[in-house]
Amino acid sequence: ADAVRADEREAAALGAGGVPFFVL
């Protein structure tokens, strides 16, 4: 559960407001 939430927090920090979101 923590791993899922960590991914989601990281997405928000990177500015992802929706998906799919690709970071290279």
PDBML (XML) file of the C-alpha atoms, coordinates in Angstrom:
<?xml version="1.0" encoding="UTF-8" ?>
<PDBx:datablock datablockName="MODEL"
   xmlns:PDBx="http://pdbml.pdb.org/schema/pdbx-v50.xsd"
   xmlns:xsi="http://www.w3.org/2001/XMLSchema-instance"
   xsi:schemaLocation="http://pdbml.pdb.org/schema/pdbx-v50.xsd pdbx-v50.xsd">
   <PDBx:atom_siteCategory>
      <PDBx:atom_site id="1">
         <PDBx:B_iso_or_equiv>0.00</PDBx:B_iso_or_equiv>
         <PDBx:Cartn_x>0.000</PDBx:Cartn_x>
         <PDBx:Cartn_y>0.000</PDBx:Cartn_y>
         <PDBx:Cartn_z>0.000</PDBx:Cartn_z>
         <PDBx:auth_asym_id>A</PDBx:auth_asym_id>
         <PDBx:auth_atom_id>CA</PDBx:auth_atom_id>
         <PDBx:auth_comp_id>ALA</PDBx:auth_comp_id>
         <PDBx:auth_seq_id>1</PDBx:auth_seq_id>
         <PDBx:group_PDB>ATOM</PDBx:group_PDB>
         <PDBx:label_alt_id xsi:nil="true" />
         <PDBx:label_asym_id>A</PDBx:label_asym_id>
         <PDBx:label_atom_id>CA</PDBx:label_atom_id>
         <PDBx:label_comp_id>ALA</PDBx:label_comp_id>
         <PDBx:label_entity_id>1</PDBx:label_entity_id>
         <PDBx:label_seq_id>1</PDBx:label_seq_id>
         <PDBx:occupancy>1.00</PDBx:occupancy>
         <PDBx:pdbx_PDB_model_num>1</PDBx:pdbx_PDB_model_num>
         <PDBx:type_symbol>C</PDBx:type_symbol>
      </PDBx:atom_site>
      <PDBx:atom_site id="2">
         <PDBx:B_iso_or_equiv>0.00</PDBx:B_iso_or_equiv>
         <PDBx:Cartn_x>2.808</PDBx:Cartn_x>
         <PDBx:Cartn_y>2.408</PDBx:Cartn_y>
         <PDBx:Cartn_z>0.843</PDBx:Cartn_z>
         <PDBx:auth_asym_id>A</PDBx:auth_asym_id>
         <PDBx:auth_atom_id>CA</PDBx:auth_atom_id>
         <PDBx:auth_comp_id>ASP</PDBx:auth_comp_id>
         <PDBx:auth_seq_id>2</PDBx:auth_seq_id>
         <PDBx:group_PDB>ATOM</PDBx:group_PDB>
         <PDBx:label_alt_id xsi:nil="true" />
         <PDBx:label_asym_id>A</PDBx:label_asym_id>
         <PDBx:label_atom_id>CA</PDBx:label_atom_id>
         <PDBx:label_comp_id>ASP</PDBx:label_comp_id>
         <PDBx:label_entity_id>1</PDBx:label_entity_id>
         <PDBx:label_seq_id>2</PDBx:label_seq_id>
         <PDBx:occupancy>1.00</PDBx:occupancy>
         <PDBx:pdbx_PDB_model_num>1</PDBx:pdbx_PDB_model_num>
         <PDBx:type_symbol>C</PDBx:type_symbol>
      </PDBx:atom_site>
      <PDBx:atom_site id="3">
         <PDBx:B_iso_or_equiv>0.00</PDBx:B_iso_or_equiv>
         <PDBx:Cartn_x>4.462</PDBx:Cartn_x>
         <PDBx:Cartn_y>1.713</PDBx:Cartn_y>
         <PDBx:Cartn_z>-2.509</PDBx:Cartn_z>
         <PDBx:auth_asym_id>A</PDBx:auth_asym_id>
         <PDBx:auth_atom_id>CA</PDBx:auth_atom_id>
         <PDBx:auth_comp_id>ALA</PDBx:auth_comp_id>
         <PDBx:auth_seq_id>3</PDBx:auth_seq_id>
         <PDBx:group_PDB>ATOM</PDBx:group_PDB>
         <PDBx:label_alt_id xsi:nil="true" />
         <PDBx:label_asym_id>A</PDBx:label_asym_id>
         <PDBx:label_atom_id>CA</PDBx:label_atom_id>
         <PDBx:label_comp_id>ALA</PDBx:label_comp_id>
         <PDBx:label_entity_id>1</PDBx:label_entity_id>
         <PDBx:label_seq_id>3</PDBx:label_seq_id>
         <PDBx:occupancy>1.00</PDBx:occupancy>
         <PDBx:pdbx_PDB_model_num>1</PDBx:pdbx_PDB_model_num>
         <PDBx:type_symbol>C</PDBx:type_symbol>
      </PDBx:atom_site>
      <PDBx:atom_site id="4">
         <PDBx:B_iso_or_equiv>0.00</PDBx:B_iso_or_equiv>
         <PDBx:Cartn_x>1.253</PDBx:Cartn_x>
         <PDBx:Cartn_y>2.554</PDBx:Cartn_y>
         <PDBx:Cartn_z>-4.371</PDBx:Cartn_z>
         <PDBx:auth_asym_id>A</PDBx:auth_asym_id>
         <PDBx:auth_atom_id>CA</PDBx:auth_atom_id>
         <PDBx:auth_comp_id>VAL</PDBx:auth_comp_id>
         <PDBx:auth_seq_id>4</PDBx:auth_seq_id>
         <PDBx:group_PDB>ATOM</PDBx:group_PDB>
         <PDBx:label_alt_id xsi:nil="true" />
         <PDBx:label_asym_id>A</PDBx:label_asym_id>
         <PDBx:label_atom_id>CA</PDBx:label_atom_id>
         <PDBx:label_comp_id>VAL</PDBx:label_comp_id>
         <PDBx:label_entity_id>1</PDBx:label_entity_id>
         <PDBx:label_seq_id>4</PDBx:label_seq_id>
         <PDBx:occupancy>1.00</PDBx:occupancy>
         <PDBx:pdbx_PDB_model_num>1</PDBx:pdbx_PDB_model_num>
         <PDBx:type_symbol>C</PDBx:type_symbol>
      </PDBx:atom_site>
      <PDBx:atom_site id="5">
         <PDBx:B_iso_or_equiv>0.00</PDBx:B_iso_or_equiv>
         <PDBx:Cartn_x>0.762</PDBx:Cartn_x>
         <PDBx:Cartn_y>5.778</PDBx:Cartn_y>
         <PDBx:Cartn_z>-2.422</PDBx:Cartn_z>
         <PDBx:auth_asym_id>A</PDBx:auth_asym_id>
         <PDBx:auth_atom_id>CA</PDBx:auth_atom_id>
         <PDBx:auth_comp_id>ARG</PDBx:auth_comp_id>
         <PDBx:auth_seq_id>5</PDBx:auth_seq_id>
         <PDBx:group_PDB>ATOM</PDBx:group_PDB>
         <PDBx:label_alt_id xsi:nil="true" />
         <PDBx:label_asym_id>A</PDBx:label_asym_id>
         <PDBx:label_atom_id>CA</PDBx:label_atom_id>
         <PDBx:label_comp_id>ARG</PDBx:label_comp_id>
         <PDBx:label_entity_id>1</PDBx:label_entity_id>
         <PDBx:label_seq_id>5</PDBx:label_seq_id>
         <PDBx:occupancy>1.00</PDBx:occupancy>
         <PDBx:pdbx_PDB_model_num>1</PDBx:pdbx_PDB_model_num>
         <PDBx:type_symbol>C</PDBx:type_symbol>
      </PDBx:atom_site>
      <PDBx:atom_site id="6">
         <PDBx:B_iso_or_equiv>0.00</PDBx:B_iso_or_equiv>
         <PDBx:Cartn_x>4.408</PDBx:Cartn_x>
         <PDBx:Cartn_y>6.735</PDBx:Cartn_y>
         <PDBx:Cartn_z>-2.891</PDBx:Cartn_z>
         <PDBx:auth_asym_id>A</PDBx:auth_asym_id>
         <PDBx:auth_atom_id>CA</PDBx:auth_atom_id>
         <PDBx:auth_comp_id>ALA</PDBx:auth_comp_id>
         <PDBx:auth_seq_id>6</PDBx:auth_seq_id>
         <PDBx:group_PDB>ATOM</PDBx:group_PDB>
         <PDBx:label_alt_id xsi:nil="true" />
         <PDBx:label_asym_id>A</PDBx:label_asym_id>
         <PDBx:label_atom_id>CA</PDBx:label_atom_id>
         <PDBx:label_comp_id>ALA</PDBx:label_comp_id>
         <PDBx:label_entity_id>1</PDBx:label_entity_id>
         <PDBx:label_seq_id>6</PDBx:label_seq_id>
         <PDBx:occupancy>1.00</PDBx:occupancy>
         <PDBx:pdbx_PDB_model_num>1</PDBx:pdbx_PDB_model_num>
         <PDBx:type_symbol>C</PDBx:type_symbol>
      </PDBx:atom_site>
      <PDBx:atom_site id="7">
         <PDBx:B_iso_or_equiv>0.00</PDBx:B_iso_or_equiv>
         <PDBx:Cartn_x>4.036</PDBx:Cartn_x>
         <PDBx:Cartn_y>6.412</PDBx:Cartn_y>
         <PDBx:Cartn_z>-6.669</PDBx:Cartn_z>
         <PDBx:auth_asym_id>A</PDBx:auth_asym_id>
         <PDBx:auth_atom_id>CA</PDBx:auth_atom_id>
         <PDBx:auth_comp_id>ASP</PDBx:auth_comp_id>
         <PDBx:auth_seq_id>7</PDBx:auth_seq_id>
         <PDBx:group_PDB>ATOM</PDBx:group_PDB>
         <PDBx:label_alt_id xsi:nil="true" />
         <PDBx:label_asym_id>A</PDBx:label_asym_id>
         <PDBx:label_atom_id>CA</PDBx:label_atom_id>
         <PDBx:label_comp_id>ASP</PDBx:label_comp_id>
         <PDBx:label_entity_id>1</PDBx:label_entity_id>
         <PDBx:label_seq_id>7</PDBx:label_seq_id>
         <PDBx:occupancy>1.00</PDBx:occupancy>
         <PDBx:pdbx_PDB_model_num>1</PDBx:pdbx_PDB_model_num>
         <PDBx:type_symbol>C</PDBx:type_symbol>
      </PDBx:atom_site>
      <PDBx:atom_site id="8">
         <PDBx:B_iso_or_equiv>0.00</PDBx:B_iso_or_equiv>
         <PDBx:Cartn_x>0.947</PDBx:Cartn_x>
         <PDBx:Cartn_y>8.598</PDBx:Cartn_y>
         <PDBx:Cartn_z>-6.560</PDBx:Cartn_z>
         <PDBx:auth_asym_id>A</PDBx:auth_asym_id>
         <PDBx:auth_atom_id>CA</PDBx:auth_atom_id>
         <PDBx:auth_comp_id>GLU</PDBx:auth_comp_id>
         <PDBx:auth_seq_id>8</PDBx:auth_seq_id>
         <PDBx:group_PDB>ATOM</PDBx:group_PDB>
         <PDBx:label_alt_id xsi:nil="true" />
         <PDBx:label_asym_id>A</PDBx:label_asym_id>
         <PDBx:label_atom_id>CA</PDBx:label_atom_id>
         <PDBx:label_comp_id>GLU</PDBx:label_comp_id>
         <PDBx:label_entity_id>1</PDBx:label_entity_id>
         <PDBx:label_seq_id>8</PDBx:label_seq_id>
         <PDBx:occupancy>1.00</PDBx:occupancy>
         <PDBx:pdbx_PDB_model_num>1</PDBx:pdbx_PDB_model_num>
         <PDBx:type_symbol>C</PDBx:type_symbol>
      </PDBx:atom_site>
      <PDBx:atom_site id="9">
         <PDBx:B_iso_or_equiv>0.00</PDBx:B_iso_or_equiv>
         <PDBx:Cartn_x>2.651</PDBx:Cartn_x>
         <PDBx:Cartn_y>11.287</PDBx:Cartn_y>
         <PDBx:Cartn_z>-4.469</PDBx:Cartn_z>
         <PDBx:auth_asym_id>A</PDBx:auth_asym_id>
         <PDBx:auth_atom_id>CA</PDBx:auth_atom_id>
         <PDBx:auth_comp_id>ARG</PDBx:auth_comp_id>
         <PDBx:auth_seq_id>9</PDBx:auth_seq_id>
         <PDBx:group_PDB>ATOM</PDBx:group_PDB>
         <PDBx:label_alt_id xsi:nil="true" />
         <PDBx:label_asym_id>A</PDBx:label_asym_id>
         <PDBx:label_atom_id>CA</PDBx:label_atom_id>
         <PDBx:label_comp_id>ARG</PDBx:label_comp_id>
         <PDBx:label_entity_id>1</PDBx:label_entity_id>
         <PDBx:label_seq_id>9</PDBx:label_seq_id>
         <PDBx:occupancy>1.00</PDBx:occupancy>
         <PDBx:pdbx_PDB_model_num>1</PDBx:pdbx_PDB_model_num>
         <PDBx:type_symbol>C</PDBx:type_symbol>
      </PDBx:atom_site>
      <PDBx:atom_site id="10">
         <PDBx:B_iso_or_equiv>0.00</PDBx:B_iso_or_equiv>
         <PDBx:Cartn_x>5.576</PDBx:Cartn_x>
         <PDBx:Cartn_y>11.262</PDBx:Cartn_y>
         <PDBx:Cartn_z>-6.867</PDBx:Cartn_z>
         <PDBx:auth_asym_id>A</PDBx:auth_asym_id>
         <PDBx:auth_atom_id>CA</PDBx:auth_atom_id>
         <PDBx:auth_comp_id>GLU</PDBx:auth_comp_id>
         <PDBx:auth_seq_id>10</PDBx:auth_seq_id>
         <PDBx:group_PDB>ATOM</PDBx:group_PDB>
         <PDBx:label_alt_id xsi:nil="true" />
         <PDBx:label_asym_id>A</PDBx:label_asym_id>
         <PDBx:label_atom_id>CA</PDBx:label_atom_id>
         <PDBx:label_comp_id>GLU</PDBx:label_comp_id>
         <PDBx:label_entity_id>1</PDBx:label_entity_id>
         <PDBx:label_seq_id>10</PDBx:label_seq_id>
         <PDBx:occupancy>1.00</PDBx:occupancy>
         <PDBx:pdbx_PDB_model_num>1</PDBx:pdbx_PDB_model_num>
         <PDBx:type_symbol>C</PDBx:type_symbol>
      </PDBx:atom_site>
      <PDBx:atom_site id="11">
         <PDBx:B_iso_or_equiv>0.00</PDBx:B_iso_or_equiv>
         <PDBx:Cartn_x>3.231</PDBx:Cartn_x>
         <PDBx:Cartn_y>11.698</PDBx:Cartn_y>
         <PDBx:Cartn_z>-9.825</PDBx:Cartn_z>
         <PDBx:auth_asym_id>A</PDBx:auth_asym_id>
         <PDBx:auth_atom_id>CA</PDBx:auth_atom_id>
         <PDBx:auth_comp_id>ALA</PDBx:auth_comp_id>
         <PDBx:auth_seq_id>11</PDBx:auth_seq_id>
         <PDBx:group_PDB>ATOM</PDBx:group_PDB>
         <PDBx:label_alt_id xsi:nil="true" />
         <PDBx:label_asym_id>A</PDBx:label_asym_id>
         <PDBx:label_atom_id>CA</PDBx:label_atom_id>
         <PDBx:label_comp_id>ALA</PDBx:label_comp_id>
         <PDBx:label_entity_id>1</PDBx:label_entity_id>
         <PDBx:label_seq_id>11</PDBx:label_seq_id>
         <PDBx:occupancy>1.00</PDBx:occupancy>
         <PDBx:pdbx_PDB_model_num>1</PDBx:pdbx_PDB_model_num>
         <PDBx:type_symbol>C</PDBx:type_symbol>
      </PDBx:atom_site>
      <PDBx:atom_site id="12">
         <PDBx:B_iso_or_equiv>0.00</PDBx:B_iso_or_equiv>
         <PDBx:Cartn_x>1.719</PDBx:Cartn_x>
         <PDBx:Cartn_y>14.752</PDBx:Cartn_y>
         <PDBx:Cartn_z>-8.146</PDBx:Cartn_z>
         <PDBx:auth_asym_id>A</PDBx:auth_asym_id>
         <PDBx:auth_atom_id>CA</PDBx:auth_atom_id>
         <PDBx:auth_comp_id>ALA</PDBx:auth_comp_id>
         <PDBx:auth_seq_id>12</PDBx:auth_seq_id>
         <PDBx:group_PDB>ATOM</PDBx:group_PDB>
         <PDBx:label_alt_id xsi:nil="true" />
         <PDBx:label_asym_id>A</PDBx:label_asym_id>
         <PDBx:label_atom_id>CA</PDBx:label_atom_id>
         <PDBx:label_comp_id>ALA</PDBx:label_comp_id>
         <PDBx:label_entity_id>1</PDBx:label_entity_id>
         <PDBx:label_seq_id>12</PDBx:label_seq_id>
         <PDBx:occupancy>1.00</PDBx:occupancy>
         <PDBx:pdbx_PDB_model_num>1</PDBx:pdbx_PDB_model_num>
         <PDBx:type_symbol>C</PDBx:type_symbol>
      </PDBx:atom_site>
      <PDBx:atom_site id="13">
         <PDBx:B_iso_or_equiv>0.00</PDBx:B_iso_or_equiv>
         <PDBx:Cartn_x>5.184</PDBx:Cartn_x>
         <PDBx:Cartn_y>16.170</PDBx:Cartn_y>
         <PDBx:Cartn_z>-7.443</PDBx:Cartn_z>
         <PDBx:auth_asym_id>A</PDBx:auth_asym_id>
         <PDBx:auth_atom_id>CA</PDBx:auth_atom_id>
         <PDBx:auth_comp_id>ALA</PDBx:auth_comp_id>
         <PDBx:auth_seq_id>13</PDBx:auth_seq_id>
         <PDBx:group_PDB>ATOM</PDBx:group_PDB>
         <PDBx:label_alt_id xsi:nil="true" />
         <PDBx:label_asym_id>A</PDBx:label_asym_id>
         <PDBx:label_atom_id>CA</PDBx:label_atom_id>
         <PDBx:label_comp_id>ALA</PDBx:label_comp_id>
         <PDBx:label_entity_id>1</PDBx:label_entity_id>
         <PDBx:label_seq_id>13</PDBx:label_seq_id>
         <PDBx:occupancy>1.00</PDBx:occupancy>
         <PDBx:pdbx_PDB_model_num>1</PDBx:pdbx_PDB_model_num>
         <PDBx:type_symbol>C</PDBx:type_symbol>
      </PDBx:atom_site>
      <PDBx:atom_site id="14">
         <PDBx:B_iso_or_equiv>0.00</PDBx:B_iso_or_equiv>
         <PDBx:Cartn_x>6.094</PDBx:Cartn_x>
         <PDBx:Cartn_y>15.771</PDBx:Cartn_y>
         <PDBx:Cartn_z>-11.109</PDBx:Cartn_z>
         <PDBx:auth_asym_id>A</PDBx:auth_asym_id>
         <PDBx:auth_atom_id>CA</PDBx:auth_atom_id>
         <PDBx:auth_comp_id>LEU</PDBx:auth_comp_id>
         <PDBx:auth_seq_id>14</PDBx:auth_seq_id>
         <PDBx:group_PDB>ATOM</PDBx:group_PDB>
         <PDBx:label_alt_id xsi:nil="true" />
         <PDBx:label_asym_id>A</PDBx:label_asym_id>
         <PDBx:label_atom_id>CA</PDBx:label_atom_id>
         <PDBx:label_comp_id>LEU</PDBx:label_comp_id>
         <PDBx:label_entity_id>1</PDBx:label_entity_id>
         <PDBx:label_seq_id>14</PDBx:label_seq_id>
         <PDBx:occupancy>1.00</PDBx:occupancy>
         <PDBx:pdbx_PDB_model_num>1</PDBx:pdbx_PDB_model_num>
         <PDBx:type_symbol>C</PDBx:type_symbol>
      </PDBx:atom_site>
      <PDBx:atom_site id="15">
         <PDBx:B_iso_or_equiv>0.00</PDBx:B_iso_or_equiv>
         <PDBx:Cartn_x>2.961</PDBx:Cartn_x>
         <PDBx:Cartn_y>17.603</PDBx:Cartn_y>
         <PDBx:Cartn_z>-12.183</PDBx:Cartn_z>
         <PDBx:auth_asym_id>A</PDBx:auth_asym_id>
         <PDBx:auth_atom_id>CA</PDBx:auth_atom_id>
         <PDBx:auth_comp_id>GLY</PDBx:auth_comp_id>
         <PDBx:auth_seq_id>15</PDBx:auth_seq_id>
         <PDBx:group_PDB>ATOM</PDBx:group_PDB>
         <PDBx:label_alt_id xsi:nil="true" />
         <PDBx:label_asym_id>A</PDBx:label_asym_id>
         <PDBx:label_atom_id>CA</PDBx:label_atom_id>
         <PDBx:label_comp_id>GLY</PDBx:label_comp_id>
         <PDBx:label_entity_id>1</PDBx:label_entity_id>
         <PDBx:label_seq_id>15</PDBx:label_seq_id>
         <PDBx:occupancy>1.00</PDBx:occupancy>
         <PDBx:pdbx_PDB_model_num>1</PDBx:pdbx_PDB_model_num>
         <PDBx:type_symbol>C</PDBx:type_symbol>
      </PDBx:atom_site>
      <PDBx:atom_site id="16">
         <PDBx:B_iso_or_equiv>0.00</PDBx:B_iso_or_equiv>
         <PDBx:Cartn_x>0.962</PDBx:Cartn_x>
         <PDBx:Cartn_y>14.646</PDBx:Cartn_y>
         <PDBx:Cartn_z>-13.508</PDBx:Cartn_z>
         <PDBx:auth_asym_id>A</PDBx:auth_asym_id>
         <PDBx:auth_atom_id>CA</PDBx:auth_atom_id>
         <PDBx:auth_comp_id>ALA</PDBx:auth_comp_id>
         <PDBx:auth_seq_id>16</PDBx:auth_seq_id>
         <PDBx:group_PDB>ATOM</PDBx:group_PDB>
         <PDBx:label_alt_id xsi:nil="true" />
         <PDBx:label_asym_id>A</PDBx:label_asym_id>
         <PDBx:label_atom_id>CA</PDBx:label_atom_id>
         <PDBx:label_comp_id>ALA</PDBx:label_comp_id>
         <PDBx:label_entity_id>1</PDBx:label_entity_id>
         <PDBx:label_seq_id>16</PDBx:label_seq_id>
         <PDBx:occupancy>1.00</PDBx:occupancy>
         <PDBx:pdbx_PDB_model_num>1</PDBx:pdbx_PDB_model_num>
         <PDBx:type_symbol>C</PDBx:type_symbol>
      </PDBx:atom_site>
      <PDBx:atom_site id="17">
         <PDBx:B_iso_or_equiv>0.00</PDBx:B_iso_or_equiv>
         <PDBx:Cartn_x>-2.687</PDBx:Cartn_x>
         <PDBx:Cartn_y>15.615</PDBx:Cartn_y>
         <PDBx:Cartn_z>-13.383</PDBx:Cartn_z>
         <PDBx:auth_asym_id>A</PDBx:auth_asym_id>
         <PDBx:auth_atom_id>CA</PDBx:auth_atom_id>
         <PDBx:auth_comp_id>GLY</PDBx:auth_comp_id>
         <PDBx:auth_seq_id>17</PDBx:auth_seq_id>
         <PDBx:group_PDB>ATOM</PDBx:group_PDB>
         <PDBx:label_alt_id xsi:nil="true" />
         <PDBx:label_asym_id>A</PDBx:label_asym_id>
         <PDBx:label_atom_id>CA</PDBx:label_atom_id>
         <PDBx:label_comp_id>GLY</PDBx:label_comp_id>
         <PDBx:label_entity_id>1</PDBx:label_entity_id>
         <PDBx:label_seq_id>17</PDBx:label_seq_id>
         <PDBx:occupancy>1.00</PDBx:occupancy>
         <PDBx:pdbx_PDB_model_num>1</PDBx:pdbx_PDB_model_num>
         <PDBx:type_symbol>C</PDBx:type_symbol>
      </PDBx:atom_site>
      <PDBx:atom_site id="18">
         <PDBx:B_iso_or_equiv>0.00</PDBx:B_iso_or_equiv>
         <PDBx:Cartn_x>-3.788</PDBx:Cartn_x>
         <PDBx:Cartn_y>12.594</PDBx:Cartn_y>
         <PDBx:Cartn_z>-15.391</PDBx:Cartn_z>
         <PDBx:auth_asym_id>A</PDBx:auth_asym_id>
         <PDBx:auth_atom_id>CA</PDBx:auth_atom_id>
         <PDBx:auth_comp_id>GLY</PDBx:auth_comp_id>
         <PDBx:auth_seq_id>18</PDBx:auth_seq_id>
         <PDBx:group_PDB>ATOM</PDBx:group_PDB>
         <PDBx:label_alt_id xsi:nil="true" />
         <PDBx:label_asym_id>A</PDBx:label_asym_id>
         <PDBx:label_atom_id>CA</PDBx:label_atom_id>
         <PDBx:label_comp_id>GLY</PDBx:label_comp_id>
         <PDBx:label_entity_id>1</PDBx:label_entity_id>
         <PDBx:label_seq_id>18</PDBx:label_seq_id>
         <PDBx:occupancy>1.00</PDBx:occupancy>
         <PDBx:pdbx_PDB_model_num>1</PDBx:pdbx_PDB_model_num>
         <PDBx:type_symbol>C</PDBx:type_symbol>
      </PDBx:atom_site>
      <PDBx:atom_site id="19">
         <PDBx:B_iso_or_equiv>0.00</PDBx:B_iso_or_equiv>
         <PDBx:Cartn_x>-2.573</PDBx:Cartn_x>
         <PDBx:Cartn_y>9.432</PDBx:Cartn_y>
         <PDBx:Cartn_z>-17.050</PDBx:Cartn_z>
         <PDBx:auth_asym_id>A</PDBx:auth_asym_id>
         <PDBx:auth_atom_id>CA</PDBx:auth_atom_id>
         <PDBx:auth_comp_id>VAL</PDBx:auth_comp_id>
         <PDBx:auth_seq_id>19</PDBx:auth_seq_id>
         <PDBx:group_PDB>ATOM</PDBx:group_PDB>
         <PDBx:label_alt_id xsi:nil="true" />
         <PDBx:label_asym_id>A</PDBx:label_asym_id>
         <PDBx:label_atom_id>CA</PDBx:label_atom_id>
         <PDBx:label_comp_id>VAL</PDBx:label_comp_id>
         <PDBx:label_entity_id>1</PDBx:label_entity_id>
         <PDBx:label_seq_id>19</PDBx:label_seq_id>
         <PDBx:occupancy>1.00</PDBx:occupancy>
         <PDBx:pdbx_PDB_model_num>1</PDBx:pdbx_PDB_model_num>
         <PDBx:type_symbol>C</PDBx:type_symbol>
      </PDBx:atom_site>
      <PDBx:atom_site id="20">
         <PDBx:B_iso_or_equiv>0.00</PDBx:B_iso_or_equiv>
         <PDBx:Cartn_x>-0.891</PDBx:Cartn_x>
         <PDBx:Cartn_y>7.986</PDBx:Cartn_y>
         <PDBx:Cartn_z>-18.971</PDBx:Cartn_z>
         <PDBx:auth_asym_id>A</PDBx:auth_asym_id>
         <PDBx:auth_atom_id>CA</PDBx:auth_atom_id>
         <PDBx:auth_comp_id>PRO</PDBx:auth_comp_id>
         <PDBx:auth_seq_id>20</PDBx:auth_seq_id>
         <PDBx:group_PDB>ATOM</PDBx:group_PDB>
         <PDBx:label_alt_id xsi:nil="true" />
         <PDBx:label_asym_id>A</PDBx:label_asym_id>
         <PDBx:label_atom_id>CA</PDBx:label_atom_id>
         <PDBx:label_comp_id>PRO</PDBx:label_comp_id>
         <PDBx:label_entity_id>1</PDBx:label_entity_id>
         <PDBx:label_seq_id>20</PDBx:label_seq_id>
         <PDBx:occupancy>1.00</PDBx:occupancy>
         <PDBx:pdbx_PDB_model_num>1</PDBx:pdbx_PDB_model_num>
         <PDBx:type_symbol>C</PDBx:type_symbol>
      </PDBx:atom_site>
      <PDBx:atom_site id="21">
         <PDBx:B_iso_or_equiv>0.00</PDBx:B_iso_or_equiv>
         <PDBx:Cartn_x>2.118</PDBx:Cartn_x>
         <PDBx:Cartn_y>10.058</PDBx:Cartn_y>
         <PDBx:Cartn_z>-17.998</PDBx:Cartn_z>
         <PDBx:auth_asym_id>A</PDBx:auth_asym_id>
         <PDBx:auth_atom_id>CA</PDBx:auth_atom_id>
         <PDBx:auth_comp_id>PHE</PDBx:auth_comp_id>
         <PDBx:auth_seq_id>21</PDBx:auth_seq_id>
         <PDBx:group_PDB>ATOM</PDBx:group_PDB>
         <PDBx:label_alt_id xsi:nil="true" />
         <PDBx:label_asym_id>A</PDBx:label_asym_id>
         <PDBx:label_atom_id>CA</PDBx:label_atom_id>
         <PDBx:label_comp_id>PHE</PDBx:label_comp_id>
         <PDBx:label_entity_id>1</PDBx:label_entity_id>
         <PDBx:label_seq_id>21</PDBx:label_seq_id>
         <PDBx:occupancy>1.00</PDBx:occupancy>
         <PDBx:pdbx_PDB_model_num>1</PDBx:pdbx_PDB_model_num>
         <PDBx:type_symbol>C</PDBx:type_symbol>
      </PDBx:atom_site>
      <PDBx:atom_site id="22">
         <PDBx:B_iso_or_equiv>0.00</PDBx:B_iso_or_equiv>
         <PDBx:Cartn_x>5.578</PDBx:Cartn_x>
         <PDBx:Cartn_y>9.150</PDBx:Cartn_y>
         <PDBx:Cartn_z>-19.313</PDBx:Cartn_z>
         <PDBx:auth_asym_id>A</PDBx:auth_asym_id>
         <PDBx:auth_atom_id>CA</PDBx:auth_atom_id>
         <PDBx:auth_comp_id>PHE</PDBx:auth_comp_id>
         <PDBx:auth_seq_id>22</PDBx:auth_seq_id>
         <PDBx:group_PDB>ATOM</PDBx:group_PDB>
         <PDBx:label_alt_id xsi:nil="true" />
         <PDBx:label_asym_id>A</PDBx:label_asym_id>
         <PDBx:label_atom_id>CA</PDBx:label_atom_id>
         <PDBx:label_comp_id>PHE</PDBx:label_comp_id>
         <PDBx:label_entity_id>1</PDBx:label_entity_id>
         <PDBx:label_seq_id>22</PDBx:label_seq_id>
         <PDBx:occupancy>1.00</PDBx:occupancy>
         <PDBx:pdbx_PDB_model_num>1</PDBx:pdbx_PDB_model_num>
         <PDBx:type_symbol>C</PDBx:type_symbol>
      </PDBx:atom_site>
      <PDBx:atom_site id="23">
         <PDBx:B_iso_or_equiv>0.00</PDBx:B_iso_or_equiv>
         <PDBx:Cartn_x>8.827</PDBx:Cartn_x>
         <PDBx:Cartn_y>10.404</PDBx:Cartn_y>
         <PDBx:Cartn_z>-17.773</PDBx:Cartn_z>
         <PDBx:auth_asym_id>A</PDBx:auth_asym_id>
         <PDBx:auth_atom_id>CA</PDBx:auth_atom_id>
         <PDBx:auth_comp_id>VAL</PDBx:auth_comp_id>
         <PDBx:auth_seq_id>23</PDBx:auth_seq_id>
         <PDBx:group_PDB>ATOM</PDBx:group_PDB>
         <PDBx:label_alt_id xsi:nil="true" />
         <PDBx:label_asym_id>A</PDBx:label_asym_id>
         <PDBx:label_atom_id>CA</PDBx:label_atom_id>
         <PDBx:label_comp_id>VAL</PDBx:label_comp_id>
         <PDBx:label_entity_id>1</PDBx:label_entity_id>
         <PDBx:label_seq_id>23</PDBx:label_seq_id>
         <PDBx:occupancy>1.00</PDBx:occupancy>
         <PDBx:pdbx_PDB_model_num>1</PDBx:pdbx_PDB_model_num>
         <PDBx:type_symbol>C</PDBx:type_symbol>
      </PDBx:atom_site>
      <PDBx:atom_site id="24">
         <PDBx:B_iso_or_equiv>0.00</PDBx:B_iso_or_equiv>
         <PDBx:Cartn_x>12.081</PDBx:Cartn_x>
         <PDBx:Cartn_y>9.816</PDBx:Cartn_y>
         <PDBx:Cartn_z>-19.626</PDBx:Cartn_z>
         <PDBx:auth_asym_id>A</PDBx:auth_asym_id>
         <PDBx:auth_atom_id>CA</PDBx:auth_atom_id>
         <PDBx:auth_comp_id>LEU</PDBx:auth_comp_id>
         <PDBx:auth_seq_id>24</PDBx:auth_seq_id>
         <PDBx:group_PDB>ATOM</PDBx:group_PDB>
         <PDBx:label_alt_id xsi:nil="true" />
         <PDBx:label_asym_id>A</PDBx:label_asym_id>
         <PDBx:label_atom_id>CA</PDBx:label_atom_id>
         <PDBx:label_comp_id>LEU</PDBx:label_comp_id>
         <PDBx:label_entity_id>1</PDBx:label_entity_id>
         <PDBx:label_seq_id>24</PDBx:label_seq_id>
         <PDBx:occupancy>1.00</PDBx:occupancy>
         <PDBx:pdbx_PDB_model_num>1</PDBx:pdbx_PDB_model_num>
         <PDBx:type_symbol>C</PDBx:type_symbol>
      </PDBx:atom_site>
   </PDBx:atom_siteCategory>
</PDBx:datablock>
